[in-house]
């Protein structure tokens, strides 16, 4: 539990003070390591709210990293159940 809380604060620090790509890598690592790491998606939503722009020239999507993180989290959790890496 302490490791999960410290991972949350490290990811929060990276979103506030470090480049975006470092935050994405840390969020992805947390999604792989922890069981259903929803905190990464919520912190990437915070990143979109603070620094986000539209997805493209004519795209109406604003929360690009949040939507991508939800999709990636669901895919990672599906793969973990199929490979039996998740904690029971």
N, C-alpha and C. Protein backbone atom coordinates (compact mmCIF):
# COMPACT_ATOMS: atom_id res chain seq x y z
N UNK A 1 0.82 -1.19 0.00
CA UNK A 1 0.00 0.00 0.00
C UNK A 1 0.87 1.26 0.00
N UNK A 2 1.96 1.22 0.74
CA UNK A 2 2.87 2.37 0.78
C UNK A 2 3.49 2.59 -0.59
N UNK A 3 3.80 1.50 -1.29
CA UNK A 3 4.40 1.60 -2.61
C UNK A 3 3.43 2.23 -3.61
N UNK A 4 2.16 1.88 -3.51
CA UNK A 4 1.15 2.45 -4.41
C UNK A 4 0.95 3.93 -4.14
N UNK A 5 0.94 4.32 -2.88
CA UNK A 5 0.77 5.73 -2.53
C UNK A 5 1.99 6.54 -2.96
N UNK A 6 3.17 5.98 -2.76
CA UNK A 6 4.37 6.70 -3.20
C UNK A 6 4.43 6.78 -4.72
N UNK A 7 3.96 5.76 -5.43
CA UNK A 7 3.90 5.82 -6.90
C UNK A 7 2.93 6.92 -7.35
N UNK A 8 1.83 7.08 -6.63
CA UNK A 8 0.88 8.15 -6.94
C UNK A 8 1.55 9.52 -6.81
N UNK A 9 2.26 9.74 -5.73
CA UNK A 9 2.89 11.04 -5.52
C UNK A 9 4.06 11.28 -6.48
N UNK A 10 4.78 10.24 -6.83
CA UNK A 10 5.85 10.39 -7.82
C UNK A 10 5.25 10.74 -9.18
N UNK A 11 4.15 10.11 -9.55
CA UNK A 11 3.49 10.42 -10.81
C UNK A 11 2.90 11.83 -10.78
N UNK A 12 2.35 12.23 -9.66
CA UNK A 12 1.84 13.60 -9.53
C UNK A 12 2.97 14.62 -9.68
N UNK A 13 4.11 14.36 -9.05
CA UNK A 13 5.26 15.24 -9.17
C UNK A 13 5.72 15.31 -10.63
N UNK A 14 5.75 14.17 -11.31
CA UNK A 14 6.21 14.16 -12.70
C UNK A 14 5.25 14.92 -13.61
N UNK A 15 3.96 14.85 -13.33
CA UNK A 15 2.99 15.59 -14.15
C UNK A 15 3.13 17.09 -13.93
N UNK A 16 3.41 17.49 -12.70
CA UNK A 16 3.50 18.92 -12.41
C UNK A 16 4.84 19.54 -12.84
N UNK A 17 5.94 18.78 -12.77
CA UNK A 17 7.24 19.39 -12.95
C UNK A 17 8.13 18.80 -14.04
N UNK A 18 7.82 17.62 -14.54
CA UNK A 18 8.68 16.96 -15.52
C UNK A 18 8.02 16.95 -16.89
N UNK A 19 8.77 16.63 -17.94
CA UNK A 19 8.17 16.56 -19.28
C UNK A 19 7.08 15.49 -19.36
N UNK A 20 6.19 15.70 -20.33
CA UNK A 20 5.02 14.85 -20.47
C UNK A 20 5.39 13.39 -20.74
N UNK A 21 6.41 13.16 -21.55
CA UNK A 21 6.75 11.78 -21.92
C UNK A 21 7.23 10.98 -20.72
N UNK A 22 7.85 11.63 -19.75
CA UNK A 22 8.26 10.92 -18.52
C UNK A 22 7.02 10.50 -17.72
N UNK A 23 6.04 11.38 -17.67
CA UNK A 23 4.80 11.06 -16.96
C UNK A 23 4.07 9.90 -17.61
N UNK A 24 4.06 9.86 -18.93
CA UNK A 24 3.39 8.77 -19.64
C UNK A 24 4.09 7.45 -19.38
N UNK A 25 5.42 7.45 -19.39
CA UNK A 25 6.18 6.23 -19.12
C UNK A 25 5.92 5.75 -17.69
N UNK A 26 5.94 6.67 -16.72
CA UNK A 26 5.68 6.28 -15.33
C UNK A 26 4.26 5.76 -15.14
N UNK A 27 3.29 6.39 -15.82
CA UNK A 27 1.90 5.93 -15.72
C UNK A 27 1.76 4.53 -16.31
N UNK A 28 2.40 4.29 -17.45
CA UNK A 28 2.33 2.97 -18.07
C UNK A 28 2.99 1.91 -17.20
N UNK A 29 4.12 2.25 -16.59
CA UNK A 29 4.79 1.31 -15.69
C UNK A 29 3.90 1.00 -14.48
N UNK A 30 3.22 2.02 -13.96
CA UNK A 30 2.31 1.79 -12.84
C UNK A 30 1.13 0.92 -13.23
N UNK A 31 0.62 1.10 -14.46
CA UNK A 31 -0.48 0.26 -14.92
C UNK A 31 -0.06 -1.19 -15.04
N UNK A 32 1.17 -1.41 -15.43
CA UNK A 32 1.65 -2.79 -15.56
C UNK A 32 1.92 -3.40 -14.19
N UNK A 33 2.52 -2.63 -13.29
CA UNK A 33 2.95 -3.19 -12.00
C UNK A 33 1.80 -3.40 -11.03
N UNK A 34 0.92 -2.39 -10.90
CA UNK A 34 -0.15 -2.46 -9.91
C UNK A 34 -1.41 -3.06 -10.51
N UNK A 35 -2.24 -3.58 -9.64
CA UNK A 35 -3.52 -4.14 -10.05
C UNK A 35 -4.53 -2.99 -10.19
N UNK A 36 -5.00 -2.73 -11.38
CA UNK A 36 -5.96 -1.68 -11.74
C UNK A 36 -5.52 -0.33 -11.15
N UNK A 37 -4.59 0.29 -11.80
CA UNK A 37 -3.99 1.55 -11.35
C UNK A 37 -4.77 2.73 -11.93
N UNK A 38 -6.00 2.96 -11.40
CA UNK A 38 -6.86 4.04 -11.89
C UNK A 38 -6.25 5.41 -11.61
N UNK A 39 -5.35 5.48 -10.65
CA UNK A 39 -4.74 6.75 -10.31
C UNK A 39 -4.00 7.36 -11.49
N UNK A 40 -3.42 6.52 -12.33
CA UNK A 40 -2.70 7.02 -13.51
C UNK A 40 -3.65 7.73 -14.46
N UNK A 41 -4.82 7.17 -14.67
CA UNK A 41 -5.79 7.81 -15.57
C UNK A 41 -6.29 9.13 -14.98
N UNK A 42 -6.52 9.16 -13.69
CA UNK A 42 -6.98 10.40 -13.07
C UNK A 42 -5.90 11.48 -13.11
N UNK A 43 -4.65 11.08 -12.92
CA UNK A 43 -3.57 12.07 -12.99
C UNK A 43 -3.32 12.53 -14.42
N UNK A 44 -3.54 11.67 -15.39
CA UNK A 44 -3.42 12.11 -16.77
C UNK A 44 -4.60 13.00 -17.16
N UNK A 45 -5.75 12.83 -16.52
CA UNK A 45 -6.85 13.78 -16.68
C UNK A 45 -6.44 15.15 -16.12
N UNK A 46 -5.79 15.15 -14.97
CA UNK A 46 -5.26 16.40 -14.41
C UNK A 46 -4.27 17.04 -15.37
N UNK A 47 -3.43 16.23 -15.99
CA UNK A 47 -2.48 16.74 -16.98
C UNK A 47 -3.21 17.37 -18.16
N UNK A 48 -4.27 16.73 -18.62
CA UNK A 48 -5.05 17.30 -19.72
C UNK A 48 -5.72 18.60 -19.30
N UNK A 49 -6.21 18.65 -18.08
CA UNK A 49 -6.85 19.88 -17.61
C UNK A 49 -5.86 21.03 -17.47
N UNK A 50 -4.63 20.72 -17.07
CA UNK A 50 -3.63 21.77 -16.90
C UNK A 50 -2.97 22.17 -18.21
N UNK A 51 -2.57 21.20 -19.02
CA UNK A 51 -1.74 21.47 -20.18
C UNK A 51 -2.32 21.00 -21.50
N UNK A 52 -3.50 20.42 -21.50
CA UNK A 52 -4.03 19.76 -22.69
C UNK A 52 -4.43 20.71 -23.80
N UNK A 53 -4.34 20.19 -25.02
CA UNK A 53 -4.80 20.88 -26.21
C UNK A 53 -5.69 19.94 -26.99
N UNK A 54 -6.24 20.42 -28.08
CA UNK A 54 -7.09 19.57 -28.91
C UNK A 54 -6.26 18.50 -29.60
N UNK A 55 -6.90 17.42 -29.98
CA UNK A 55 -6.22 16.28 -30.58
C UNK A 55 -5.63 16.56 -31.94
N UNK A 56 -6.20 17.44 -32.70
CA UNK A 56 -5.70 17.75 -34.03
C UNK A 56 -6.36 19.01 -34.54
N UNK A 57 -6.14 19.31 -35.80
CA UNK A 57 -6.66 20.55 -36.37
C UNK A 57 -8.19 20.59 -36.35
N UNK A 58 -8.82 19.50 -36.76
CA UNK A 58 -10.28 19.46 -36.82
C UNK A 58 -10.89 18.49 -35.83
N UNK A 59 -10.13 18.07 -34.85
CA UNK A 59 -10.60 17.07 -33.89
C UNK A 59 -11.34 17.75 -32.72
N UNK A 60 -12.51 17.24 -32.37
CA UNK A 60 -13.23 17.80 -31.22
C UNK A 60 -12.76 17.23 -29.88
N UNK A 61 -11.87 16.24 -29.90
CA UNK A 61 -11.43 15.58 -28.68
C UNK A 61 -10.42 16.47 -27.95
N UNK A 62 -10.67 16.73 -26.67
CA UNK A 62 -9.79 17.58 -25.88
C UNK A 62 -8.92 16.73 -24.95
N UNK A 63 -9.49 15.75 -24.31
CA UNK A 63 -8.79 14.95 -23.29
C UNK A 63 -8.13 13.74 -23.94
N UNK A 64 -7.12 13.97 -24.73
CA UNK A 64 -6.49 12.90 -25.51
C UNK A 64 -5.76 11.91 -24.62
N UNK A 65 -4.91 12.38 -23.72
CA UNK A 65 -4.14 11.45 -22.89
C UNK A 65 -5.04 10.72 -21.88
N UNK A 66 -6.10 11.36 -21.43
CA UNK A 66 -7.02 10.69 -20.51
C UNK A 66 -7.74 9.54 -21.21
N UNK A 67 -8.26 9.79 -22.40
CA UNK A 67 -8.97 8.75 -23.14
C UNK A 67 -8.01 7.63 -23.52
N UNK A 68 -6.81 7.99 -23.94
CA UNK A 68 -5.81 6.97 -24.29
C UNK A 68 -5.42 6.15 -23.07
N UNK A 69 -5.31 6.78 -21.90
CA UNK A 69 -4.93 6.04 -20.70
C UNK A 69 -6.02 5.07 -20.26
N UNK A 70 -7.28 5.45 -20.41
CA UNK A 70 -8.38 4.53 -20.08
C UNK A 70 -8.33 3.31 -21.00
N UNK A 71 -8.13 3.55 -22.29
CA UNK A 71 -8.08 2.45 -23.25
C UNK A 71 -6.88 1.55 -22.95
N UNK A 72 -5.72 2.15 -22.70
CA UNK A 72 -4.52 1.36 -22.41
C UNK A 72 -4.67 0.59 -21.11
N UNK A 73 -5.28 1.21 -20.09
CA UNK A 73 -5.50 0.51 -18.82
C UNK A 73 -6.39 -0.71 -19.01
N UNK A 74 -7.45 -0.58 -19.78
CA UNK A 74 -8.33 -1.72 -20.03
C UNK A 74 -7.62 -2.82 -20.81
N UNK A 75 -6.81 -2.43 -21.79
CA UNK A 75 -6.06 -3.42 -22.56
C UNK A 75 -5.04 -4.13 -21.69
N UNK A 76 -4.32 -3.38 -20.87
CA UNK A 76 -3.30 -3.97 -19.99
C UNK A 76 -3.94 -4.92 -18.99
N UNK A 77 -5.06 -4.53 -18.41
CA UNK A 77 -5.73 -5.41 -17.45
C UNK A 77 -6.25 -6.68 -18.13
N UNK A 78 -6.74 -6.55 -19.36
CA UNK A 78 -7.19 -7.73 -20.09
C UNK A 78 -6.02 -8.67 -20.37
N UNK A 79 -4.90 -8.11 -20.79
CA UNK A 79 -3.71 -8.93 -21.07
C UNK A 79 -3.19 -9.58 -19.79
N UNK A 80 -3.22 -8.84 -18.67
CA UNK A 80 -2.74 -9.43 -17.41
C UNK A 80 -3.60 -10.60 -16.97
N UNK A 81 -4.90 -10.53 -17.21
CA UNK A 81 -5.75 -11.67 -16.84
C UNK A 81 -5.51 -12.86 -17.75
N UNK A 82 -5.25 -12.61 -19.02
CA UNK A 82 -4.99 -13.71 -19.95
C UNK A 82 -3.63 -14.35 -19.70
N UNK A 83 -2.63 -13.57 -19.29
CA UNK A 83 -1.30 -14.10 -19.03
C UNK A 83 -1.12 -14.57 -17.59
N UNK A 84 -2.14 -14.35 -16.76
CA UNK A 84 -2.15 -14.75 -15.35
C UNK A 84 -1.00 -14.12 -14.56
N UNK A 85 -0.77 -12.81 -14.80
CA UNK A 85 0.21 -12.05 -14.04
C UNK A 85 -0.43 -11.27 -12.90
N UNK A 86 -1.73 -11.20 -12.86
CA UNK A 86 -2.39 -10.40 -11.84
C UNK A 86 -2.38 -11.13 -10.51
N UNK A 87 -2.50 -10.35 -9.43
CA UNK A 87 -2.52 -10.91 -8.09
C UNK A 87 -3.94 -11.38 -7.79
N UNK A 88 -4.05 -12.54 -7.20
CA UNK A 88 -5.38 -13.08 -6.89
C UNK A 88 -5.79 -12.77 -5.50
